[in-house]
Protein backbone atom coordinates (compact mmCIF):
# COMPACT_ATOMS: atom_id res chain seq x y z
CA MET A 1 -25.27 -4.09 -24.42
CA GLY A 2 -21.58 -4.46 -24.35
CA ILE A 3 -19.15 -2.98 -26.79
CA LEU A 4 -18.65 -6.35 -28.66
CA SER A 5 -22.49 -6.45 -29.05
CA TRP A 6 -22.59 -3.01 -30.39
CA ILE A 7 -19.90 -3.86 -32.87
CA VAL A 8 -21.72 -7.16 -34.09
CA MET A 9 -25.02 -5.26 -34.24
CA GLY A 10 -23.30 -2.56 -36.11
CA LEU A 11 -21.75 -4.93 -38.64
CA LEU A 12 -25.15 -6.66 -39.30
CA VAL A 13 -27.00 -3.38 -39.68
CA GLY A 14 -24.47 -1.98 -41.91
CA ILE A 15 -24.52 -4.76 -44.25
CA VAL A 16 -28.37 -4.81 -44.34
CA ALA A 17 -28.25 -1.01 -44.95
CA LYS A 18 -25.75 -1.55 -47.85
CA ILE A 19 -28.01 -4.30 -49.24
CA VAL A 20 -31.11 -2.16 -49.10
CA MET A 21 -29.41 0.74 -50.66
CA PRO A 22 -26.68 -0.62 -53.02
CA GLY A 23 -24.40 1.85 -54.75
CA GLU A 24 -20.80 3.02 -55.33
CA ASP A 25 -19.85 3.90 -51.87
CA PRO A 26 -16.13 4.05 -50.85
CA GLY A 27 -15.27 2.11 -47.74
CA GLY A 28 -14.97 -1.44 -46.63
CA PHE A 29 -15.51 -3.27 -43.40
CA PHE A 30 -14.74 -0.56 -40.93
CA LEU A 31 -16.97 1.96 -42.70
CA THR A 32 -19.85 -0.58 -42.73
CA VAL A 33 -19.40 -1.19 -39.04
CA ALA A 34 -19.24 2.59 -38.20
CA LEU A 35 -22.41 3.07 -40.47
CA GLY A 36 -24.17 0.57 -38.43
CA ILE A 37 -23.12 1.85 -35.07
CA GLY A 38 -23.95 5.26 -36.08
CA GLY A 39 -27.28 4.02 -37.26
CA ALA A 40 -28.13 2.38 -34.07
CA PHE A 41 -27.40 5.73 -32.35
CA VAL A 42 -29.50 7.72 -34.78
CA GLY A 43 -32.23 5.35 -34.84
CA GLY A 44 -32.45 5.06 -31.14
CA ALA A 45 -32.33 8.87 -30.69
CA VAL A 46 -35.25 9.36 -33.40
CA ALA A 47 -37.28 6.48 -31.71
CA ARG A 48 -36.79 8.08 -28.29
CA PHE A 49 -37.81 11.54 -29.75
CA LEU A 50 -41.04 10.02 -31.34
CA GLY A 51 -41.88 8.57 -27.93
CA PHE A 52 -41.09 4.79 -28.64
CA GLY A 53 -39.04 4.58 -25.49
CA SER A 54 -35.45 3.41 -25.14
CA PHE A 55 -34.33 0.16 -26.88
CA THR A 56 -31.87 -2.03 -25.17
CA GLY A 57 -30.62 -5.49 -25.89
CA PHE A 58 -30.12 -7.32 -29.14
CA ASN A 59 -33.76 -7.89 -30.45
CA PHE A 60 -35.75 -7.45 -33.54
CA GLY A 61 -37.16 -4.08 -32.73
CA SER A 62 -33.73 -2.71 -31.94
CA PHE A 63 -32.45 -4.13 -35.20
CA LEU A 64 -35.10 -2.44 -37.25
CA ILE A 65 -34.73 0.94 -35.56
CA ALA A 66 -30.86 0.59 -36.01
CA THR A 67 -31.20 -0.40 -39.71
CA GLY A 68 -33.52 2.63 -40.33
CA GLY A 69 -31.00 5.02 -38.74
CA ALA A 70 -28.17 3.49 -40.80
CA ILE A 71 -30.32 3.92 -43.89
CA LEU A 72 -30.92 7.42 -43.00
CA ILE A 73 -27.18 8.16 -42.51
CA LEU A 74 -26.41 6.51 -45.81
CA VAL A 75 -29.00 8.68 -47.57
CA LEU A 76 -27.53 12.03 -45.81
CA TYR A 77 -23.92 10.78 -46.81
CA ARG A 78 -24.89 10.30 -50.51
CA ALA A 79 -26.59 13.68 -50.49
CA ALA A 80 -23.66 15.40 -49.01
CA ARG A 81 -21.33 13.78 -51.62
CA ARG A 82 -23.30 15.22 -54.50
């Protein structure tokens, strides 16, 4: 995927992660995109570690893995803020 695809995927994943886990988190558009992109990297690394292979392209499986990674990052962020 190109950099623009990563940003679009990151935005979508970040929005879904914030919808799944609503709360009083500081940050706006850029933090949401960063959360989504980071989630894509974390989700991909975890999936590769568990033997699911690598995920490439903009598809439903990649979206679910990235969303799971973004939620994991959000949980860790909230735990660190306490």
